[in-house]
Amino acid sequence: MLTTDTAPTGYTYRRDNADVMNNFFIEIVTRSFTNIEEVLKNQRDNVLQKKQQETLLELEKVKKNWNQSIYSEVNANFDNYDKTILKSQATAKNPLKEIAPNSDQNMK
C-alpha cells in the first residue's frame, strides 16, 4: 500500500473512496451509540474552565502583595490625616502656641 509519505514531492496519492465511506460510517455509528458529542463539548468547556482556574491561581499568588501594598498606602494616608487632625486640634486648643515661635523668630 502506498502512503502519503512515500509520494514524490508535489504529488499526493488518491485516497480510496472505500476508506472515506468507512470513516463516514464509523462517525455515524460513533455518534449513534456513544455520547461523543457531550465528550467533545466538555473538552471545549474544560479548556475555558482551565483558563479561568489558571487566572484565579495567578490572582491568588498576587493577592498577598496587593493586600500589603494597598494596606501600606491606606495606612500612610491615614497617618497623614491623623497628623493633620492632631495639629489642627493642638492649634485650636492653644492658638498662641503656633504664633509665639514665629514672633520670636521675627524679633531676632
PDB file of N, CA and C in Angstrom:
ATOM      1  N   MET A   1       0.840  -1.174   0.000  1.00  0.00           N
ATOM      2  CA  MET A   1       0.000   0.000   0.000  1.00  0.00           C
ATOM      3  C   MET A   1       0.888   1.241   0.000  1.00  0.00           C
ATOM      4  N   LEU A   2       0.547   2.205  -0.770  1.00  0.00           N
ATOM      5  CA  LEU A   2       1.305   3.436  -0.859  1.00  0.00           C
ATOM      6  C   LEU A   2       0.757   4.442   0.151  1.00  0.00           C
ATOM      7  N   THR A   3       1.647   5.066   0.881  1.00  0.00           N
ATOM      8  CA  THR A   3       1.223   6.064   1.859  1.00  0.00           C
ATOM      9  C   THR A   3       1.568   7.450   1.330  1.00  0.00           C
ATOM     10  N   THR A   4       1.016   8.449   1.966  1.00  0.00           N
ATOM     11  CA  THR A   4       1.281   9.811   1.522  1.00  0.00           C
ATOM     12  C   THR A   4       2.724  10.212   1.794  1.00  0.00           C
ATOM     13  N   ASP A   5       3.392   9.522   2.704  1.00  0.00           N
ATOM     14  CA  ASP A   5       4.800   9.821   2.991  1.00  0.00           C
ATOM     15  C   ASP A   5       5.709   9.393   1.832  1.00  0.00           C
ATOM     16  N   THR A   6       5.287   8.363   1.094  1.00  0.00           N
ATOM     17  CA  THR A   6       6.134   7.859   0.014  1.00  0.00           C
ATOM     18  C   THR A   6       5.857   8.550  -1.314  1.00  0.00           C
ATOM     19  N   ALA A   7       4.916   9.468  -1.344  1.00  0.00           N
ATOM     20  CA  ALA A   7       4.592  10.176  -2.586  1.00  0.00           C
ATOM     21  C   ALA A   7       5.737  11.112  -2.958  1.00  0.00           C
ATOM     22  N   PRO A   8       5.993  11.260  -4.260  1.00  0.00           N
ATOM     23  CA  PRO A   8       7.030  12.205  -4.681  1.00  0.00           C
ATOM     24  C   PRO A   8       6.652  13.637  -4.288  1.00  0.00           C
ATOM     25  N   THR A   9       7.620  14.495  -4.220  1.00  0.00           N
ATOM     26  CA  THR A   9       7.389  15.879  -3.826  1.00  0.00           C
ATOM     27  C   THR A   9       6.423  16.544  -4.802  1.00  0.00           C
ATOM     28  N   GLY A  10       5.391  17.193  -4.232  1.00  0.00           N
ATOM     29  CA  GLY A  10       4.415  17.888  -5.057  1.00  0.00           C
ATOM     30  C   GLY A  10       3.255  17.018  -5.499  1.00  0.00           C
ATOM     31  N   TYR A  11       3.293  15.719  -5.234  1.00  0.00           N
ATOM     32  CA  TYR A  11       2.217  14.801  -5.623  1.00  0.00           C
ATOM     33  C   TYR A  11       1.601  14.186  -4.379  1.00  0.00           C
ATOM     34  N   THR A  12       0.316  13.904  -4.465  1.00  0.00           N
ATOM     35  CA  THR A  12      -0.350  13.147  -3.408  1.00  0.00           C
ATOM     36  C   THR A  12      -1.068  11.985  -4.046  1.00  0.00           C
ATOM     37  N   TYR A  13      -1.118  10.903  -3.314  1.00  0.00           N
ATOM     38  CA  TYR A  13      -1.833   9.749  -3.824  1.00  0.00           C
ATOM     39  C   TYR A  13      -3.323   9.950  -3.650  1.00  0.00           C
ATOM     40  N   ARG A  14      -4.089   9.365  -4.561  1.00  0.00           N
ATOM     41  CA  ARG A  14      -5.538   9.457  -4.491  1.00  0.00           C
ATOM     42  C   ARG A  14      -6.020   8.582  -3.338  1.00  0.00           C
ATOM     43  N   ARG A  15      -6.945   9.135  -2.556  1.00  0.00           N
ATOM     44  CA  ARG A  15      -7.471   8.382  -1.424  1.00  0.00           C
ATOM     45  C   ARG A  15      -8.575   7.452  -1.913  1.00  0.00           C
ATOM     46  N   ASP A  16      -8.566   6.266  -1.359  1.00  0.00           N
ATOM     47  CA  ASP A  16      -9.562   5.253  -1.731  1.00  0.00           C
ATOM     48  C   ASP A  16     -10.939   5.680  -1.230  1.00  0.00           C
ATOM     49  N   ASN A  17     -11.938   5.629  -2.124  1.00  0.00           N
ATOM     50  CA  ASN A  17     -13.303   6.025  -1.749  1.00  0.00           C
ATOM     51  C   ASN A  17     -13.862   5.138  -0.649  1.00  0.00           C
ATOM     52  N   ALA A  18     -13.510   3.891  -0.645  1.00  0.00           N
ATOM     53  CA  ALA A  18     -13.999   2.979   0.395  1.00  0.00           C
ATOM     54  C   ALA A  18     -13.501   3.441   1.766  1.00  0.00           C
ATOM     55  N   ASP A  19     -12.297   3.954   1.809  1.00  0.00           N
ATOM     56  CA  ASP A  19     -11.734   4.435   3.066  1.00  0.00           C
ATOM     57  C   ASP A  19     -12.535   5.638   3.577  1.00  0.00           C
ATOM     58  N   VAL A  20     -12.903   6.530   2.659  1.00  0.00           N
ATOM     59  CA  VAL A  20     -13.699   7.703   3.036  1.00  0.00           C
ATOM     60  C   VAL A  20     -15.055   7.260   3.564  1.00  0.00           C
ATOM     61  N   MET A  21     -15.700   6.329   2.888  1.00  0.00           N
ATOM     62  CA  MET A  21     -17.016   5.853   3.313  1.00  0.00           C
ATOM     63  C   MET A  21     -16.919   5.109   4.637  1.00  0.00           C
ATOM     64  N   ASN A  22     -15.851   4.365   4.851  1.00  0.00           N
ATOM     65  CA  ASN A  22     -15.673   3.672   6.134  1.00  0.00           C
ATOM     66  C   ASN A  22     -15.591   4.696   7.268  1.00  0.00           C
ATOM     67  N   ASN A  23     -14.823   5.749   7.040  1.00  0.00           N
ATOM     68  CA  ASN A  23     -14.722   6.793   8.066  1.00  0.00           C
ATOM     69  C   ASN A  23     -16.073   7.452   8.319  1.00  0.00           C
ATOM     70  N   PHE A  24     -16.850   7.646   7.258  1.00  0.00           N
ATOM     71  CA  PHE A  24     -18.168   8.243   7.381  1.00  0.00           C
ATOM     72  C   PHE A  24     -19.078   7.353   8.220  1.00  0.00           C
ATOM     73  N   PHE A  25     -19.082   6.066   7.938  1.00  0.00           N
ATOM     74  CA  PHE A  25     -19.934   5.148   8.699  1.00  0.00           C
ATOM     75  C   PHE A  25     -19.456   5.000  10.136  1.00  0.00           C
ATOM     76  N   ILE A  26     -18.173   5.022  10.335  1.00  0.00           N
ATOM     77  CA  ILE A  26     -17.649   4.957  11.703  1.00  0.00           C
ATOM     78  C   ILE A  26     -18.128   6.173  12.492  1.00  0.00           C
ATOM     79  N   GLU A  27     -18.109   7.321  11.840  1.00  0.00           N
ATOM     80  CA  GLU A  27     -18.572   8.532  12.515  1.00  0.00           C
ATOM     81  C   GLU A  27     -20.057   8.436  12.857  1.00  0.00           C
ATOM     82  N   ILE A  28     -20.871   7.932  11.936  1.00  0.00           N
ATOM     83  CA  ILE A  28     -22.312   7.790  12.186  1.00  0.00           C
ATOM     84  C   ILE A  28     -22.558   6.851  13.352  1.00  0.00           C
ATOM     85  N   VAL A  29     -21.874   5.710  13.354  1.00  0.00           N
ATOM     86  CA  VAL A  29     -22.062   4.727  14.423  1.00  0.00           C
ATOM     87  C   VAL A  29     -21.588   5.306  15.764  1.00  0.00           C
ATOM     88  N   THR A  30     -20.483   6.005  15.725  1.00  0.00           N
ATOM     89  CA  THR A  30     -19.959   6.592  16.954  1.00  0.00           C
ATOM     90  C   THR A  30     -20.932   7.599  17.533  1.00  0.00           C
ATOM     91  N   ARG A  31     -21.490   8.433  16.691  1.00  0.00           N
ATOM     92  CA  ARG A  31     -22.451   9.425  17.169  1.00  0.00           C
ATOM     93  C   ARG A  31     -23.757   8.777  17.631  1.00  0.00           C
ATOM     94  N   SER A  32     -24.115   7.649  17.050  1.00  0.00           N
ATOM     95  CA  SER A  32     -25.370   6.989  17.402  1.00  0.00           C
ATOM     96  C   SER A  32     -25.295   6.260  18.735  1.00  0.00           C
ATOM     97  N   PHE A  33     -24.184   5.600  18.996  1.00  0.00           N
ATOM     98  CA  PHE A  33     -24.124   4.705  20.140  1.00  0.00           C
ATOM     99  C   PHE A  33     -23.230   5.201  21.283  1.00  0.00           C
ATOM    100  N   THR A  34     -22.688   6.357  21.156  1.00  0.00           N
ATOM    101  CA  THR A  34     -21.872   6.912  22.247  1.00  0.00           C
ATOM    102  C   THR A  34     -22.290   8.349  22.496  1.00  0.00           C
ATOM    103  N   ASN A  35     -21.758   8.913  23.546  1.00  0.00           N
ATOM    104  CA  ASN A  35     -22.039  10.315  23.865  1.00  0.00           C
ATOM    105  C   ASN A  35     -20.836  11.183  23.476  1.00  0.00           C
ATOM    106  N   ILE A  36     -20.295  10.933  22.297  1.00  0.00           N
ATOM    107  CA  ILE A  36     -19.102  11.642  21.838  1.00  0.00           C
ATOM    108  C   ILE A  36     -19.345  13.145  21.732  1.00  0.00           C
ATOM    109  N   GLU A  37     -20.561  13.537  21.386  1.00  0.00           N
ATOM    110  CA  GLU A  37     -20.873  14.968  21.306  1.00  0.00           C
ATOM    111  C   GLU A  37     -20.695  15.637  22.665  1.00  0.00           C
ATOM    112  N   GLU A  38     -21.181  14.961  23.714  1.00  0.00           N
ATOM    113  CA  GLU A  38     -21.026  15.507  25.062  1.00  0.00           C
ATOM    114  C   GLU A  38     -19.556  15.553  25.469  1.00  0.00           C
ATOM    115  N   VAL A  39     -18.820  14.502  25.134  1.00  0.00           N
ATOM    116  CA  VAL A  39     -17.403  14.453  25.479  1.00  0.00           C
ATOM    117  C   VAL A  39     -16.654  15.590  24.795  1.00  0.00           C
ATOM    118  N   LEU A  40     -16.921  15.804  23.510  1.00  0.00           N
ATOM    119  CA  LEU A  40     -16.249  16.868  22.782  1.00  0.00           C
ATOM    120  C   LEU A  40     -16.635  18.249  23.329  1.00  0.00           C
ATOM    121  N   LYS A  41     -17.912  18.411  23.669  1.00  0.00           N
ATOM    122  CA  LYS A  41     -18.362  19.685  24.236  1.00  0.00           C
ATOM    123  C   LYS A  41     -17.706  19.924  25.589  1.00  0.00           C
ATOM    124  N   ASN A  42     -17.626  18.886  26.408  1.00  0.00           N
ATOM    125  CA  ASN A  42     -16.985  19.026  27.712  1.00  0.00           C
ATOM    126  C   ASN A  42     -15.504  19.366  27.573  1.00  0.00           C
ATOM    127  N   GLN A  43     -14.861  18.813  26.561  1.00  0.00           N
ATOM    128  CA  GLN A  43     -13.451  19.134  26.341  1.00  0.00           C
ATOM    129  C   GLN A  43     -13.294  20.617  25.982  1.00  0.00           C
ATOM    130  N   ARG A  44     -14.179  21.129  25.143  1.00  0.00           N
ATOM    131  CA  ARG A  44     -14.134  22.551  24.797  1.00  0.00           C
ATOM    132  C   ARG A  44     -14.392  23.410  26.028  1.00  0.00           C
ATOM    133  N   ASP A  45     -15.411  23.031  26.822  1.00  0.00           N
ATOM    134  CA  ASP A  45     -15.743  23.798  28.019  1.00  0.00           C
ATOM    135  C   ASP A  45     -14.631  23.705  29.056  1.00  0.00           C
ATOM    136  N   ASN A  46     -13.991  22.544  29.147  1.00  0.00           N
ATOM    137  CA  ASN A  46     -12.916  22.376  30.122  1.00  0.00           C
ATOM    138  C   ASN A  46     -11.738  23.284  29.811  1.00  0.00           C
ATOM    139  N   VAL A  47     -11.508  23.572  28.547  1.00  0.00           N
ATOM    140  CA  VAL A  47     -10.421  24.481  28.191  1.00  0.00           C
ATOM    141  C   VAL A  47     -10.696  25.853  28.799  1.00  0.00           C
ATOM    142  N   LEU A  48     -11.937  26.311  28.688  1.00  0.00           N
ATOM    143  CA  LEU A  48     -12.307  27.599  29.278  1.00  0.00           C
ATOM    144  C   LEU A  48     -12.200  27.563  30.798  1.00  0.00           C
ATOM    145  N   GLN A  49     -12.641  26.455  31.399  1.00  0.00           N
ATOM    146  CA  GLN A  49     -12.558  26.321  32.848  1.00  0.00           C
ATOM    147  C   GLN A  49     -11.111  26.291  33.310  1.00  0.00           C
ATOM    148  N   LYS A  50     -10.251  25.608  32.565  1.00  0.00           N
ATOM    149  CA  LYS A  50      -8.835  25.542  32.929  1.00  0.00           C
ATOM    150  C   LYS A  50      -8.208  26.931  32.863  1.00  0.00           C
ATOM    151  N   LYS A  51      -8.558  27.701  31.827  1.00  0.00           N
ATOM    152  CA  LYS A  51      -8.032  29.058  31.717  1.00  0.00           C
ATOM    153  C   LYS A  51      -8.500  29.913  32.889  1.00  0.00           C
ATOM    154  N   GLN A  52      -9.772  29.757  33.261  1.00  0.00           N
ATOM    155  CA  GLN A  52     -10.295  30.512  34.393  1.00  0.00           C
ATOM    156  C   GLN A  52      -9.598  30.115  35.685  1.00  0.00           C
ATOM    157  N   GLN A  53      -9.363  28.816  35.869  1.00  0.00           N
ATOM    158  CA  GLN A  53      -8.679  28.351  37.070  1.00  0.00           C
ATOM    159  C   GLN A  53      -7.242  28.862  37.116  1.00  0.00           C
ATOM    160  N   GLU A  54      -6.563  28.868  35.971  1.00  0.00           N
ATOM    161  CA  GLU A  54      -5.200  29.384  35.927  1.00  0.00           C
ATOM    162  C   GLU A  54      -5.171  30.869  36.290  1.00  0.00           C
ATOM    163  N   THR A  55      -6.148  31.612  35.788  1.00  0.00           N
ATOM    164  CA  THR A  55      -6.232  33.037  36.108  1.00  0.00           C
ATOM    165  C   THR A  55      -6.478  33.236  37.594  1.00  0.00           C
ATOM    166  N   LEU A  56      -7.366  32.431  38.174  1.00  0.00           N
ATOM    167  CA  LEU A  56      -7.633  32.544  39.602  1.00  0.00           C
ATOM    168  C   LEU A  56      -6.399  32.199  40.428  1.00  0.00           C
ATOM    169  N   LEU A  57      -5.634  31.203  40.003  1.00  0.00           N
ATOM    170  CA  LEU A  57      -4.402  30.853  40.714  1.00  0.00           C
ATOM    171  C   LEU A  57      -3.386  31.994  40.646  1.00  0.00           C
ATOM    172  N   GLU A  58      -3.267  32.623  39.484  1.00  0.00           N
ATOM    173  CA  GLU A  58      -2.372  33.772  39.354  1.00  0.00           C
ATOM    174  C   GLU A  58      -2.809  34.904  40.278  1.00  0.00           C
ATOM    175  N   LEU A  59      -4.113  35.140  40.335  1.00  0.00           N
ATOM    176  CA  LEU A  59      -4.626  36.194  41.208  1.00  0.00           C
ATOM    177  C   LEU A  59      -4.375  35.875  42.681  1.00  0.00           C
ATOM    178  N   GLU A  60      -4.478  34.605  43.039  1.00  0.00           N
ATOM    179  CA  GLU A  60      -4.194  34.208  44.423  1.00  0.00           C
ATOM    180  C   GLU A  60      -2.736  34.455  44.771  1.00  0.00           C
ATOM    181  N   LYS A  61      -1.838  34.236  43.811  1.00  0.00           N
ATOM    182  CA  LYS A  61      -0.410  34.485  44.049  1.00  0.00           C
ATOM    183  C   LYS A  61      -0.151  35.971  44.260  1.00  0.00           C
ATOM    184  N   VAL A  62      -0.835  36.806  43.513  1.00  0.00           N
ATOM    185  CA  VAL A  62      -0.616  38.252  43.567  1.00  0.00           C
ATOM    186  C   VAL A  62      -1.396  38.894  44.711  1.00  0.00           C
ATOM    187  N   LYS A  63      -2.393  38.202  45.209  1.00  0.00           N
ATOM    188  CA  LYS A  63      -3.310  38.761  46.203  1.00  0.00           C
ATOM    189  C   LYS A  63      -2.573  39.268  47.443  1.00  0.00           C
ATOM    190  N   LYS A  64      -1.614  38.516  47.958  1.00  0.00           N
ATOM    191  CA  LYS A  64      -0.910  38.906  49.172  1.00  0.00           C
ATOM    192  C   LYS A  64      -0.137  40.210  48.946  1.00  0.00           C
ATOM    193  N   ASN A  65       0.559  40.299  47.810  1.00  0.00           N
ATOM    194  CA  ASN A  65       1.295  41.536  47.510  1.00  0.00           C
ATOM    195  C   ASN A  65       0.364  42.718  47.355  1.00  0.00           C
ATOM    196  N   TRP A  66      -0.760  42.507  46.688  1.00  0.00           N
ATOM    197  CA  TRP A  66      -1.737  43.584  46.514  1.00  0.00           C
ATOM    198  C   TRP A  66      -2.258  44.043  47.868  1.00  0.00           C
ATOM    199  N   ASN A  67      -2.596  43.072  48.730  1.00  0.00           N
ATOM    200  CA  ASN A  67      -3.112  43.430  50.050  1.00  0.00           C
ATOM    201  C   ASN A  67      -2.093  44.251  50.828  1.00  0.00           C
ATOM    202  N   GLN A  68      -0.836  43.835  50.790  1.00  0.00           N
ATOM    203  CA  GLN A  68       0.201  44.558  51.526  1.00  0.00           C
ATOM    204  C   GLN A  68       0.389  45.967  50.974  1.00  0.00           C
ATOM    205  N   SER A  69       0.430  46.098  49.655  1.00  0.00           N
ATOM    206  CA  SER A  69       0.644  47.426  49.078  1.00  0.00           C
ATOM    207  C   SER A  69      -0.543  48.347  49.336  1.00  0.00           C
ATOM    208  N   ILE A  70      -1.739  47.831  49.226  1.00  0.00           N
ATOM    209  CA  ILE A  70      -2.928  48.643  49.492  1.00  0.00           C
ATOM    210  C   ILE A  70      -2.973  49.022  50.975  1.00  0.00           C
ATOM    211  N   TYR A  71      -2.658  48.068  51.833  1.00  0.00           N
ATOM    212  CA  TYR A  71      -2.664  48.327  53.278  1.00  0.00           C
ATOM    213  C   TYR A  71      -1.658  49.405  53.635  1.00  0.00           C
ATOM    214  N   SER A  72      -0.464  49.328  53.087  1.00  0.00           N
ATOM    215  CA  SER A  72       0.552  50.341  53.399  1.00  0.00           C
ATOM    216  C   SER A  72       0.161  51.707  52.832  1.00  0.00           C
ATOM    217  N   GLU A  73      -0.420  51.729  51.662  1.00  0.00           N
ATOM    218  CA  GLU A  73      -0.860  53.003  51.059  1.00  0.00           C
ATOM    219  C   GLU A  73      -1.966  53.644  51.897  1.00  0.00           C
ATOM    220  N   VAL A  74      -2.921  52.848  52.315  1.00  0.00           N
ATOM    221  CA  VAL A  74      -4.030  53.365  53.127  1.00  0.00           C
ATOM    222  C   VAL A  74      -3.509  53.847  54.478  1.00  0.00           C
ATOM    223  N   ASN A  75      -2.608  53.066  55.084  1.00  0.00           N
ATOM    224  CA  ASN A  75      -2.060  53.471  56.383  1.00  0.00           C
ATOM    225  C   ASN A  75      -1.282  54.778  56.274  1.00  0.00           C
ATOM    226  N   ALA A  76      -0.521  54.940  55.206  1.00  0.00           N
ATOM    227  CA  ALA A  76       0.235  56.184  55.027  1.00  0.00           C
ATOM    228  C   ALA A  76      -0.712  57.374  54.921  1.00  0.00           C
ATOM    229  N   ASN A  77      -1.770  57.232  54.166  1.00  0.00           N
ATOM    230  CA  ASN A  77      -2.744  58.325  54.033  1.00  0.00           C
ATOM    231  C   ASN A  77      -3.455  58.609  55.353  1.00  0.00           C
ATOM    232  N   PHE A  78      -3.822  57.558  56.073  1.00  0.00           N
ATOM    233  CA  PHE A  78      -4.474  57.768  57.369  1.00  0.00           C
ATOM    234  C   PHE A  78      -3.521  58.415  58.367  1.00  0.00           C
ATOM    235  N   ASP A  79      -2.247  58.035  58.342  1.00  0.00           N
ATOM    236  CA  ASP A  79      -1.278  58.659  59.234  1.00  0.00           C
ATOM    237  C   ASP A  79      -1.169  60.154  58.952  1.00  0.00           C
ATOM    238  N   ASN A  80      -1.106  60.517  57.682  1.00  0.00           N
ATOM    239  CA  ASN A  80      -1.063  61.937  57.328  1.00  0.00           C
ATOM    240  C   ASN A  80      -2.332  62.663  57.787  1.00  0.00           C
ATOM    241  N   TYR A  81      -3.458  62.002  57.614  1.00  0.00           N
ATOM    242  CA  TYR A  81      -4.731  62.584  58.032  1.00  0.00           C
ATOM    243  C   TYR A  81      -4.764  62.771  59.542  1.00  0.00           C
ATOM    244  N   ASP A  82      -4.310  61.740  60.297  1.00  0.00           N
ATOM    245  CA  ASP A  82      -4.277  61.834  61.757  1.00  0.00           C
ATOM    246  C   ASP A  82      -3.352  62.957  62.218  1.00  0.00           C
ATOM    247  N   LYS A  83      -2.204  63.084  61.580  1.00  0.00           N
ATOM    248  CA  LYS A  83      -1.273  64.159  61.949  1.00  0.00           C
ATOM    249  C   LYS A  83      -1.906  65.530  61.715  1.00  0.00           C
ATOM    250  N   THR A  84      -2.606  65.667  60.608  1.00  0.00           N
ATOM    251  CA  THR A  84      -3.273  66.932  60.301  1.00  0.00           C
ATOM    252  C   THR A  84      -4.341  67.234  61.339  1.00  0.00           C
ATOM    253  N   ILE A  85      -5.096  66.226  61.733  1.00  0.00           N
ATOM    254  CA  ILE A  85      -6.145  66.418  62.739  1.00  0.00           C
ATOM    255  C   ILE A  85      -5.526  66.797  64.073  1.00  0.00           C
ATOM    256  N   LEU A  86      -4.476  66.089  64.488  1.00  0.00           N
ATOM    257  CA  LEU A  86      -3.837  66.394  65.763  1.00  0.00           C
ATOM    258  C   LEU A  86      -3.245  67.802  65.766  1.00  0.00           C
ATOM    259  N   LYS A  87      -2.658  68.174  64.641  1.00  0.00           N
ATOM    260  CA  LYS A  87      -2.079  69.511  64.537  1.00  0.00           C
ATOM    261  C   LYS A  87      -3.171  70.571  64.621  1.00  0.00           C
ATOM    262  N   SER A  88      -4.286  70.353  63.950  1.00  0.00           N
ATOM    263  CA  SER A  88      -5.372  71.339  63.983  1.00  0.00           C
ATOM    264  C   SER A  88      -6.020  71.395  65.360  1.00  0.00           C
ATOM    265  N   GLN A  89      -6.107  70.244  66.048  1.00  0.00           N
ATOM    266  CA  GLN A  89      -6.652  70.239  67.409  1.00  0.00           C
ATOM    267  C   GLN A  89      -5.724  70.975  68.368  1.00  0.00           C
ATOM    268  N   ALA A  90      -4.423  70.750  68.207  1.00  0.00           N
ATOM    269  CA  ALA A  90      -3.454  71.432  69.073  1.00  0.00           C
ATOM    270  C   ALA A  90      -3.506  72.937  68.832  1.00  0.00           C
ATOM    271  N   THR A  91      -3.651  73.328  67.589  1.00  0.00           N
ATOM    272  CA  THR A  91      -3.737  74.747  67.255  1.00  0.00           C
ATOM    273  C   THR A  91      -5.027  75.355  67.814  1.00  0.00           C
ATOM    274  N   ALA A  92      -6.116  74.607  67.786  1.00  0.00           N
ATOM    275  CA  ALA A  92      -7.398  75.105  68.292  1.00  0.00           C
ATOM    276  C   ALA A  92      -7.365  75.264  69.809  1.00  0.00           C
ATOM    277  N   LYS A  93      -6.678  74.369  70.521  1.00  0.00           N
ATOM    278  CA  LYS A  93      -6.587  74.452  71.981  1.00  0.00           C
ATOM    279  C   LYS A  93      -5.646  75.573  72.403  1.00  0.00           C
ATOM    280  N   ASN A  94      -4.548  75.759  71.690  1.00  0.00           N
ATOM    281  CA  ASN A  94      -3.520  76.730  72.042  1.00  0.00           C
ATOM    282  C   ASN A  94      -3.187  77.596  70.834  1.00  0.00           C
ATOM    283  N   PRO A  95      -3.995  78.533  70.472  1.00  0.00           N
ATOM    284  CA  PRO A  95      -3.727  79.315  69.267  1.00  0.00           C
ATOM    285  C   PRO A  95      -2.463  80.157  69.390  1.00  0.00           C
ATOM    286  N   LEU A  96      -2.072  80.547  70.598  1.00  0.00           N
ATOM    287  CA  LEU A  96      -0.877  81.361  70.781  1.00  0.00           C
ATOM    288  C   LEU A  96       0.402  80.552  70.611  1.00  0.00           C
ATOM    289  N   LYS A  97       0.308  79.254  70.838  1.00  0.00           N
ATOM    290  CA  LYS A  97       1.490  78.393  70.744  1.00  0.00           C
ATOM    291  C   LYS A  97       2.078  78.447  69.341  1.00  0.00           C
ATOM    292  N   GLU A  98       1.236  78.474  68.320  1.00  0.00           N
ATOM    293  CA  GLU A  98       1.744  78.492  66.956  1.00  0.00           C
ATOM    294  C   GLU A  98       2.230  79.885  66.568  1.00  0.00           C
ATOM    295  N   ILE A  99       1.621  80.921  67.114  1.00  0.00           N
ATOM    296  CA  ILE A  99       2.020  82.279  66.780  1.00  0.00           C
ATOM    297  C   ILE A  99       3.338  82.638  67.476  1.00  0.00           C
ATOM    298  N   ALA A 100       3.519  82.150  68.700  1.00  0.00           N
ATOM    299  CA  ALA A 100       4.682  82.523  69.514  1.00  0.00           C
ATOM    300  C   ALA A 100       6.010  82.187  68.844  1.00  0.00           C
ATOM    301  N   PRO A 101       6.243  81.004  68.322  1.00  0.00           N
ATOM    302  CA  PRO A 101       7.540  80.727  67.708  1.00  0.00           C
ATOM    303  C   PRO A 101       7.809  81.635  66.518  1.00  0.00           C
ATOM    304  N   ASN A 102       6.831  81.953  65.752  1.00  0.00           N
ATOM    305  CA  ASN A 102       7.025  82.836  64.607  1.00  0.00           C
ATOM    306  C   ASN A 102       7.396  84.250  65.049  1.00  0.00           C
ATOM    307  N   SER A 103       6.758  84.694  66.133  1.00  0.00           N
ATOM    308  CA  SER A 103       7.047  86.049  66.612  1.00  0.00           C
ATOM    309  C   SER A 103       8.451  86.117  67.197  1.00  0.00           C
ATOM    310  N   ASP A 104       8.930  85.062  67.832  1.00  0.00           N
ATOM    311  CA  ASP A 104      10.304  85.029  68.355  1.00  0.00           C
ATOM    312  C   ASP A 104      11.308  85.094  67.220  1.00  0.00           C
ATOM    313  N   GLN A 105      11.034  84.400  66.157  1.00  0.00           N
ATOM    314  CA  GLN A 105      11.958  84.394  65.035  1.00  0.00           C
ATOM    315  C   GLN A 105      11.982  85.755  64.343  1.00  0.00           C
ATOM    316  N   ASN A 106      10.870  86.403  64.282  1.00  0.00           N
ATOM    317  CA  ASN A 106      10.801  87.704  63.636  1.00  0.00           C
ATOM    318  C   ASN A 106      11.561  88.773  64.430  1.00  0.00           C
ATOM    319  N   MET A 107      11.635  88.640  65.750  1.00  0.00           N
ATOM    320  CA  MET A 107      12.308  89.622  66.588  1.00  0.00           C
ATOM    321  C   MET A 107      13.823  89.545  66.449  1.00  0.00           C
ATOM    322  N   LYS A 108      14.334  88.391  66.157  1.00  0.00           N
ATOM    323  CA  LYS A 108      15.786  88.225  66.058  1.00  0.00           C
ATOM    324  C   LYS A 108      16.305  88.858  64.870  1.00  0.00           C
TER     325      LYS A 108
END
